Amino acid sequence: GVASAIACKIALETYPNVMLAFCDTGIEHPDTYRFMEDFERVLGVKIHKFKSDKFSEPEEVWEKYRGMNFAHGAPCSSELKAFVRVEKVQDLETDYAQIFGFDYCKKEIRRADNMVSAHPELNPKFPLIENEITRERLFVEVSKLGIEPPEAYKYFLNNNCIGDPDSEKGGCVQGGIGYWKKIRKIFPKKYEYMGKMEHHITEIQKQYQIDKRKYDPLTFNPVTVCRDQRIKTKGNRLFLVS
């Protein structure tokens, strides 16, 4: 996305040896690849493309973990992006840093602080925060490069795992109710498919608990991407499609 692109540009200007990496989740918008090609062409660089050796797409991860999004984050993000990224740099010399495109705002600054505390071994750097580059300025900087932002930004705040517009697969499980309302309006096939996927993963989790003799219908939590935000029922899990 645009944040990663500008963070990469600053890193290239700041550090002597930079490896640009793209971890393919298997469910990217096609225009993402065009954006990367434009970035490579304009800056005269090469982006290394990596993919998980264990999973080809998020659905496989959800089935493995019997869940889609946990308190500590989404397993698909960990398996298809974070673990792949770490694996590719584990043999590098210890004197290295990983660059993250967290933009300059309170939420992202907190996120950066948490990463520094939780993962000091990554030696994380946040050039957008250091240079006080806000989300709005990111698009200005991309425009200066003469590159059109990925098409997904026409609809969403991020370019995360939306998939091919013509495919029923796609949509980030870390998106909230507002995000999924937008998905339902713009990409109804994706909304319906994810609704079915919630029930599918819920059945996998239920059967697992039954097999382990841990299933209790009174305390069992279904697998959903959204939670109720209404005061009286706040926190309850909500199926996209009942």
C-alpha atoms as a PDB file:
ATOM      1  CA  GLY A   1       0.000   0.000   0.000  1.00  0.00           C
ATOM      2  CA  VAL A   2       0.909   3.687   0.014  1.00  0.00           C
ATOM      3  CA  ALA A   3       2.259   3.637   3.583  1.00  0.00           C
ATOM      4  CA  SER A   4       4.643   0.776   2.823  1.00  0.00           C
ATOM      5  CA  ALA A   5       5.730   2.440  -0.408  1.00  0.00           C
ATOM      6  CA  ILE A   6       6.710   5.743   1.201  1.00  0.00           C
ATOM      7  CA  ALA A   7       8.306   3.975   4.173  1.00  0.00           C
ATOM      8  CA  CYS A   8      10.380   1.983   1.667  1.00  0.00           C
ATOM      9  CA  LYS A   9      11.345   5.141  -0.204  1.00  0.00           C
ATOM     10  CA  ILE A  10      12.597   6.786   2.997  1.00  0.00           C
ATOM     11  CA  ALA A  11      14.462   3.611   3.971  1.00  0.00           C
ATOM     12  CA  LEU A  12      16.202   3.541   0.588  1.00  0.00           C
ATOM     13  CA  GLU A  13      17.298   7.127   1.142  1.00  0.00           C
ATOM     14  CA  THR A  14      18.405   6.488   4.733  1.00  0.00           C
ATOM     15  CA  TYR A  15      20.131   3.107   4.921  1.00  0.00           C
ATOM     16  CA  PRO A  16      22.994   1.669   2.822  1.00  0.00           C
ATOM     17  CA  ASN A  17      21.557  -1.830   2.334  1.00  0.00           C
ATOM     18  CA  VAL A  18      17.817  -2.283   1.969  1.00  0.00           C
ATOM     19  CA  MET A  19      15.906  -5.398   0.938  1.00  0.00           C
ATOM     20  CA  LEU A  20      12.342  -4.679  -0.175  1.00  0.00           C
ATOM     21  CA  ALA A  21       9.996  -7.572   0.531  1.00  0.00           C
ATOM     22  CA  PHE A  22       6.383  -8.305  -0.367  1.00  0.00           C
ATOM     23  CA  CYS A  23       4.660 -11.181   1.427  1.00  0.00           C
ATOM     24  CA  ASP A  24       1.848 -12.394  -0.816  1.00  0.00           C
ATOM     25  CA  THR A  25      -1.235 -13.535   1.098  1.00  0.00           C
ATOM     26  CA  GLY A  26      -2.766 -15.182  -1.961  1.00  0.00           C
ATOM     27  CA  ILE A  27      -5.756 -12.860  -1.808  1.00  0.00           C
ATOM     28  CA  GLU A  28      -4.451  -9.517  -3.008  1.00  0.00           C
ATOM     29  CA  HIS A  29      -6.239  -7.070  -5.279  1.00  0.00           C
ATOM     30  CA  PRO A  30      -4.749  -7.437  -8.808  1.00  0.00           C
ATOM     31  CA  ASP A  31      -3.934  -3.718  -8.906  1.00  0.00           C
ATOM     32  CA  THR A  32      -1.544  -4.230  -5.995  1.00  0.00           C
ATOM     33  CA  TYR A  33       0.900  -5.922  -8.366  1.00  0.00           C
ATOM     34  CA  ARG A  34       0.618  -3.032 -10.842  1.00  0.00           C
ATOM     35  CA  PHE A  35       1.390  -0.597  -8.023  1.00  0.00           C
ATOM     36  CA  MET A  36       4.505  -2.566  -7.055  1.00  0.00           C
ATOM     37  CA  GLU A  37       5.691  -2.701 -10.660  1.00  0.00           C
ATOM     38  CA  ASP A  38       5.263   1.062 -10.962  1.00  0.00           C
ATOM     39  CA  PHE A  39       7.209   1.552  -7.721  1.00  0.00           C
ATOM     40  CA  GLU A  40      10.040  -0.668  -8.967  1.00  0.00           C
ATOM     41  CA  ARG A  41      10.163   1.183 -12.277  1.00  0.00           C
ATOM     42  CA  VAL A  42      10.094   4.707 -10.853  1.00  0.00           C
ATOM     43  CA  LEU A  43      12.664   4.079  -8.113  1.00  0.00           C
ATOM     44  CA  GLY A  44      14.772   1.605 -10.089  1.00  0.00           C
ATOM     45  CA  VAL A  45      14.580  -1.077  -7.396  1.00  0.00           C
ATOM     46  CA  LYS A  46      13.590  -4.723  -7.064  1.00  0.00           C
ATOM     47  CA  ILE A  47      10.925  -5.973  -4.675  1.00  0.00           C
ATOM     48  CA  HIS A  48      11.439  -9.564  -3.535  1.00  0.00           C
ATOM     49  CA  LYS A  49       8.212 -11.576  -3.555  1.00  0.00           C
ATOM     50  CA  PHE A  50       7.737 -14.185  -0.834  1.00  0.00           C
ATOM     51  CA  LYS A  51       4.942 -16.595  -0.043  1.00  0.00           C
ATOM     52  CA  SER A  52       4.237 -19.000   2.807  1.00  0.00           C
ATOM     53  CA  ASP A  53       5.445 -22.552   2.291  1.00  0.00           C
ATOM     54  CA  LYS A  54       2.644 -23.865   4.513  1.00  0.00           C
ATOM     55  CA  PHE A  55      -0.452 -21.963   3.416  1.00  0.00           C
ATOM     56  CA  SER A  56      -1.651 -20.668   0.057  1.00  0.00           C
ATOM     57  CA  GLU A  57      -4.457 -18.398   1.314  1.00  0.00           C
ATOM     58  CA  PRO A  58      -6.166 -17.189   4.527  1.00  0.00           C
ATOM     59  CA  GLU A  59      -8.872 -19.870   4.519  1.00  0.00           C
ATOM     60  CA  GLU A  60      -6.292 -22.592   5.078  1.00  0.00           C
ATOM     61  CA  VAL A  61      -4.964 -20.697   8.087  1.00  0.00           C
ATOM     62  CA  TRP A  62      -8.432 -20.205   9.572  1.00  0.00           C
ATOM     63  CA  GLU A  63      -9.153 -23.917   9.292  1.00  0.00           C
ATOM     64  CA  LYS A  64      -5.822 -24.803  10.893  1.00  0.00           C
ATOM     65  CA  TYR A  65      -6.350 -22.425  13.821  1.00  0.00           C
ATOM     66  CA  ARG A  66     -10.121 -23.006  14.001  1.00  0.00           C
ATOM     67  CA  GLY A  67     -10.518 -19.247  14.181  1.00  0.00           C
ATOM     68  CA  MET A  68     -10.265 -16.055  12.157  1.00  0.00           C
ATOM     69  CA  ASN A  69      -9.324 -13.266  14.544  1.00  0.00           C
ATOM     70  CA  PHE A  70      -8.084 -13.484  18.117  1.00  0.00           C
ATOM     71  CA  ALA A  71      -7.290 -10.952  20.835  1.00  0.00           C
ATOM     72  CA  HIS A  72      -3.617 -11.000  19.822  1.00  0.00           C
ATOM     73  CA  GLY A  73      -4.426 -10.596  16.125  1.00  0.00           C
ATOM     74  CA  ALA A  74      -5.447 -12.523  13.028  1.00  0.00           C
ATOM     75  CA  PRO A  75      -3.621 -15.838  12.444  1.00  0.00           C
ATOM     76  CA  CYS A  76      -3.706 -15.283   8.683  1.00  0.00           C
ATOM     77  CA  SER A  77      -1.702 -12.083   9.099  1.00  0.00           C
ATOM     78  CA  SER A  78       0.829 -13.862  11.295  1.00  0.00           C
ATOM     79  CA  GLU A  79       1.235 -16.921   9.085  1.00  0.00           C
ATOM     80  CA  LEU A  80       1.097 -15.299   5.658  1.00  0.00           C
ATOM     81  CA  LYS A  81       2.975 -12.073   6.425  1.00  0.00           C
ATOM     82  CA  ALA A  82       4.794 -11.786   9.757  1.00  0.00           C
ATOM     83  CA  PHE A  83       6.204 -15.322   9.981  1.00  0.00           C
ATOM     84  CA  VAL A  84       7.191 -15.283   6.314  1.00  0.00           C
ATOM     85  CA  ARG A  85       8.949 -11.937   6.724  1.00  0.00           C
ATOM     86  CA  VAL A  86      10.867 -13.056   9.813  1.00  0.00           C
ATOM     87  CA  GLU A  87      11.860 -16.353   8.175  1.00  0.00           C
ATOM     88  CA  LYS A  88      13.431 -14.561   5.228  1.00  0.00           C
ATOM     89  CA  VAL A  89      15.688 -12.395   7.406  1.00  0.00           C
ATOM     90  CA  GLN A  90      16.628 -14.854  10.165  1.00  0.00           C
ATOM     91  CA  ASP A  91      19.919 -15.712   8.482  1.00  0.00           C
ATOM     92  CA  LEU A  92      20.976 -12.090   8.056  1.00  0.00           C
ATOM     93  CA  GLU A  93      23.589 -10.551  10.299  1.00  0.00           C
ATOM     94  CA  THR A  94      22.302  -9.349  13.662  1.00  0.00           C
ATOM     95  CA  ASP A  95      22.858  -5.708  12.799  1.00  0.00           C
ATOM     96  CA  TYR A  96      19.666  -5.045  10.912  1.00  0.00           C
ATOM     97  CA  ALA A  97      16.324  -3.321  11.276  1.00  0.00           C
ATOM     98  CA  GLN A  98      12.853  -3.960   9.923  1.00  0.00           C
ATOM     99  CA  ILE A  99      10.932  -1.028   8.499  1.00  0.00           C
ATOM    100  CA  PHE A 100       7.231  -0.569   9.249  1.00  0.00           C
ATOM    101  CA  GLY A 101       4.838   1.829   7.521  1.00  0.00           C
ATOM    102  CA  PHE A 102       2.957   3.105  10.557  1.00  0.00           C
ATOM    103  CA  ASP A 103       1.840   6.641   9.768  1.00  0.00           C
ATOM    104  CA  TYR A 104       1.908   9.645  12.076  1.00  0.00           C
ATOM    105  CA  CYS A 105      -1.204   9.496  14.270  1.00  0.00           C
ATOM    106  CA  LYS A 106      -1.923   8.573  17.897  1.00  0.00           C
ATOM    107  CA  LYS A 107      -3.223   5.090  17.077  1.00  0.00           C
ATOM    108  CA  GLU A 108      -0.218   4.137  14.967  1.00  0.00           C
ATOM    109  CA  ILE A 109       2.241   5.660  17.454  1.00  0.00           C
ATOM    110  CA  ARG A 110       0.737   3.437  20.174  1.00  0.00           C
ATOM    111  CA  ARG A 111       0.989   0.496  17.808  1.00  0.00           C
ATOM    112  CA  ALA A 112       4.662   1.280  17.189  1.00  0.00           C
ATOM    113  CA  ASP A 113       5.371   1.575  20.916  1.00  0.00           C
ATOM    114  CA  ASN A 114       3.743  -1.808  21.504  1.00  0.00           C
ATOM    115  CA  MET A 115       5.824  -3.402  18.770  1.00  0.00           C
ATOM    116  CA  VAL A 116       9.053  -2.032  20.210  1.00  0.00           C
ATOM    117  CA  SER A 117       8.107  -3.487  23.607  1.00  0.00           C
ATOM    118  CA  ALA A 118       6.878  -6.838  22.322  1.00  0.00           C
ATOM    119  CA  HIS A 119       9.429  -7.448  19.558  1.00  0.00           C
ATOM    120  CA  PRO A 120      12.709  -5.692  20.271  1.00  0.00           C
ATOM    121  CA  GLU A 121      14.507  -8.461  18.367  1.00  0.00           C
ATOM    122  CA  LEU A 122      13.130  -7.015  15.125  1.00  0.00           C
ATOM    123  CA  ASN A 123      14.828  -3.660  15.806  1.00  0.00           C
ATOM    124  CA  PRO A 124      11.729  -1.993  14.276  1.00  0.00           C
ATOM    125  CA  LYS A 125      11.985   1.415  12.643  1.00  0.00           C
ATOM    126  CA  PHE A 126       9.079   3.706  11.805  1.00  0.00           C
ATOM    127  CA  PRO A 127      10.185   6.323   9.264  1.00  0.00           C
ATOM    128  CA  LEU A 128       6.705   7.728   8.693  1.00  0.00           C
ATOM    129  CA  ILE A 129       6.286   8.491  12.393  1.00  0.00           C
ATOM    130  CA  GLU A 130       9.833   9.819  12.654  1.00  0.00           C
ATOM    131  CA  ASN A 131       9.156  12.194   9.751  1.00  0.00           C
ATOM    132  CA  GLU A 132       5.623  13.057  10.968  1.00  0.00           C
ATOM    133  CA  ILE A 133       4.039  11.819   7.752  1.00  0.00           C
ATOM    134  CA  THR A 134       0.274  11.611   8.165  1.00  0.00           C
ATOM    135  CA  ARG A 135      -2.057   9.400   6.170  1.00  0.00           C
ATOM    136  CA  GLU A 136      -3.152  12.372   4.052  1.00  0.00           C
ATOM    137  CA  ARG A 137       0.434  13.259   3.205  1.00  0.00           C
ATOM    138  CA  LEU A 138       1.134   9.681   2.062  1.00  0.00           C
ATOM    139  CA  PHE A 139      -1.071  10.150  -0.985  1.00  0.00           C
ATOM    140  CA  VAL A 140       0.636  13.449  -1.737  1.00  0.00           C
ATOM    141  CA  GLU A 141       4.032  11.743  -1.640  1.00  0.00           C
ATOM    142  CA  VAL A 142       2.867   8.906  -3.888  1.00  0.00           C
ATOM    143  CA  SER A 143       1.466  11.481  -6.320  1.00  0.00           C
ATOM    144  CA  LYS A 144       4.855  13.199  -6.426  1.00  0.00           C
ATOM    145  CA  LEU A 145       6.322   9.906  -7.649  1.00  0.00           C
ATOM    146  CA  GLY A 146       3.807   9.882 -10.484  1.00  0.00           C
ATOM    147  CA  ILE A 147       2.285   6.616  -9.287  1.00  0.00           C
ATOM    148  CA  GLU A 148      -1.439   5.921  -9.045  1.00  0.00           C
ATOM    149  CA  PRO A 149      -2.406   4.429  -5.637  1.00  0.00           C
ATOM    150  CA  PRO A 150      -3.814   0.870  -5.593  1.00  0.00           C
ATOM    151  CA  GLU A 151      -7.448   0.702  -6.701  1.00  0.00           C
ATOM    152  CA  ALA A 152      -8.661  -0.568  -3.312  1.00  0.00           C
ATOM    153  CA  TYR A 153      -8.152   2.921  -1.840  1.00  0.00           C
ATOM    154  CA  LYS A 154     -11.122   4.103  -3.866  1.00  0.00           C
ATOM    155  CA  TYR A 155     -13.289   2.224  -1.386  1.00  0.00           C
ATOM    156  CA  PHE A 156     -11.248   1.456   1.733  1.00  0.00           C
ATOM    157  CA  LEU A 157      -8.698   3.021   4.069  1.00  0.00           C
ATOM    158  CA  ASN A 158      -6.235   0.201   3.452  1.00  0.00           C
ATOM    159  CA  ASN A 159      -5.178  -2.192   0.722  1.00  0.00           C
ATOM    160  CA  ASN A 160      -5.492  -5.342   2.818  1.00  0.00           C
ATOM    161  CA  CYS A 161      -6.542  -8.685   1.352  1.00  0.00           C
ATOM    162  CA  ILE A 162      -9.544  -7.460  -0.628  1.00  0.00           C
ATOM    163  CA  GLY A 163      -8.882  -9.943  -3.415  1.00  0.00           C
ATOM    164  CA  ASP A 164      -9.989  -9.780  -7.022  1.00  0.00           C
ATOM    165  CA  PRO A 165     -13.167  -7.656  -7.361  1.00  0.00           C
ATOM    166  CA  ASP A 166     -14.711 -10.431  -9.476  1.00  0.00           C
ATOM    167  CA  SER A 167     -13.955 -13.139  -6.901  1.00  0.00           C
ATOM    168  CA  GLU A 168     -16.197 -14.057  -3.995  1.00  0.00           C
ATOM    169  CA  LYS A 169     -13.129 -14.323  -1.763  1.00  0.00           C
ATOM    170  CA  GLY A 170     -11.690 -11.275  -0.027  1.00  0.00           C
ATOM    171  CA  GLY A 171     -12.065  -8.951   2.918  1.00  0.00           C
ATOM    172  CA  CYS A 172      -9.933  -8.406   6.012  1.00  0.00           C
ATOM    173  CA  VAL A 173     -11.076 -10.281   9.134  1.00  0.00           C
ATOM    174  CA  GLN A 174      -9.653  -7.453  11.257  1.00  0.00           C
ATOM    175  CA  GLY A 175     -12.074  -4.961   9.738  1.00  0.00           C
ATOM    176  CA  GLY A 176     -14.909  -3.742  11.940  1.00  0.00           C
ATOM    177  CA  ILE A 177     -18.663  -3.492  11.436  1.00  0.00           C
ATOM    178  CA  GLY A 178     -18.376  -0.336   9.323  1.00  0.00           C
ATOM    179  CA  TYR A 179     -15.854  -2.007   7.044  1.00  0.00           C
ATOM    180  CA  TRP A 180     -18.051  -5.054   6.505  1.00  0.00           C
ATOM    181  CA  LYS A 181     -21.109  -2.890   5.860  1.00  0.00           C
ATOM    182  CA  LYS A 182     -19.103  -1.298   3.085  1.00  0.00           C
ATOM    183  CA  ILE A 183     -18.105  -4.738   1.779  1.00  0.00           C
ATOM    184  CA  ARG A 184     -21.785  -5.755   1.716  1.00  0.00           C
ATOM    185  CA  LYS A 185     -22.630  -2.691  -0.356  1.00  0.00           C
ATOM    186  CA  ILE A 186     -19.696  -2.774  -2.805  1.00  0.00           C
ATOM    187  CA  PHE A 187     -18.872  -6.479  -2.989  1.00  0.00           C
ATOM    188  CA  PRO A 188     -21.986  -8.415  -1.908  1.00  0.00           C
ATOM    189  CA  LYS A 189     -20.565 -11.722  -3.151  1.00  0.00           C
ATOM    190  CA  LYS A 190     -17.571 -11.352  -0.835  1.00  0.00           C
ATOM    191  CA  TYR A 191     -19.853 -10.500   2.068  1.00  0.00           C
ATOM    192  CA  GLU A 192     -22.015 -13.572   1.525  1.00  0.00           C
ATOM    193  CA  TYR A 193     -18.987 -15.813   1.093  1.00  0.00           C
ATOM    194  CA  MET A 194     -17.368 -14.599   4.306  1.00  0.00           C
ATOM    195  CA  GLY A 195     -20.691 -15.099   6.069  1.00  0.00           C
ATOM    196  CA  LYS A 196     -20.661 -18.747   5.004  1.00  0.00           C
ATOM    197  CA  MET A 197     -16.999 -19.051   5.994  1.00  0.00           C
ATOM    198  CA  GLU A 198     -17.802 -17.893   9.549  1.00  0.00           C
ATOM    199  CA  HIS A 199     -20.288 -20.748   9.927  1.00  0.00           C
ATOM    200  CA  HIS A 200     -17.823 -23.203   8.375  1.00  0.00           C
ATOM    201  CA  ILE A 201     -15.021 -22.328  10.795  1.00  0.00           C
ATOM    202  CA  THR A 202     -17.498 -22.262  13.684  1.00  0.00           C
ATOM    203  CA  GLU A 203     -18.461 -25.872  12.908  1.00  0.00           C
ATOM    204  CA  ILE A 204     -14.787 -26.870  12.803  1.00  0.00           C
ATOM    205  CA  GLN A 205     -14.229 -25.277  16.213  1.00  0.00           C
ATOM    206  CA  LYS A 206     -17.390 -26.854  17.612  1.00  0.00           C
ATOM    207  CA  GLN A 207     -16.458 -30.337  16.390  1.00  0.00           C
ATOM    208  CA  TYR A 208     -12.963 -29.943  17.811  1.00  0.00           C
ATOM    209  CA  GLN A 209     -14.367 -29.114  21.238  1.00  0.00           C
ATOM    210  CA  ILE A 210     -16.788 -32.028  21.024  1.00  0.00           C
ATOM    211  CA  ASP A 211     -13.933 -34.390  20.167  1.00  0.00           C
ATOM    212  CA  LYS A 212     -11.914 -33.044  23.096  1.00  0.00           C
ATOM    213  CA  ARG A 213     -14.989 -33.260  25.351  1.00  0.00           C
ATOM    214  CA  LYS A 214     -14.780 -29.544  26.022  1.00  0.00           C
ATOM    215  CA  TYR A 215     -17.940 -28.437  24.241  1.00  0.00           C
ATOM    216  CA  ASP A 216     -20.502 -26.529  26.312  1.00  0.00           C
ATOM    217  CA  PRO A 217     -23.399 -25.003  24.309  1.00  0.00           C
ATOM    218  CA  LEU A 218     -23.908 -22.367  27.015  1.00  0.00           C
ATOM    219  CA  THR A 219     -20.362 -20.993  26.802  1.00  0.00           C
ATOM    220  CA  PHE A 220     -19.395 -21.845  23.226  1.00  0.00           C
ATOM    221  CA  ASN A 221     -18.364 -18.822  21.177  1.00  0.00           C
ATOM    222  CA  PRO A 222     -19.018 -18.889  17.430  1.00  0.00           C
ATOM    223  CA  VAL A 223     -16.269 -17.763  15.066  1.00  0.00           C
ATOM    224  CA  THR A 224     -17.086 -14.334  13.634  1.00  0.00           C
ATOM    225  CA  VAL A 225     -15.187 -11.321  12.314  1.00  0.00           C
ATOM    226  CA  CYS A 226     -17.382  -8.736  14.086  1.00  0.00           C
ATOM    227  CA  ARG A 227     -18.671  -8.150  17.585  1.00  0.00           C
ATOM    228  CA  ASP A 228     -21.809  -6.351  18.704  1.00  0.00           C
ATOM    229  CA  GLN A 229     -21.230  -2.689  19.589  1.00  0.00           C
ATOM    230  CA  ARG A 230     -24.665  -2.017  21.113  1.00  0.00           C
ATOM    231  CA  ILE A 231     -24.481  -1.131  24.814  1.00  0.00           C
ATOM    232  CA  LYS A 232     -26.690  -3.934  26.182  1.00  0.00           C
ATOM    233  CA  THR A 233     -25.139  -6.682  24.068  1.00  0.00           C
ATOM    234  CA  LYS A 234     -21.665  -5.204  23.552  1.00  0.00           C
ATOM    235  CA  GLY A 235     -18.995  -7.800  22.822  1.00  0.00           C
ATOM    236  CA  ASN A 236     -21.335 -10.540  21.645  1.00  0.00           C
ATOM    237  CA  ARG A 237     -20.219 -12.216  18.432  1.00  0.00           C
ATOM    238  CA  LEU A 238     -22.249 -11.328  15.349  1.00  0.00           C
ATOM    239  CA  PHE A 239     -22.539 -13.501  12.249  1.00  0.00           C
ATOM    240  CA  LEU A 240     -22.444 -11.559   8.999  1.00  0.00           C
ATOM    241  CA  VAL A 241     -25.135 -13.897   7.684  1.00  0.00           C
ATOM    242  CA  SER A 242     -27.410 -15.538  10.247  1.00  0.00           C
END
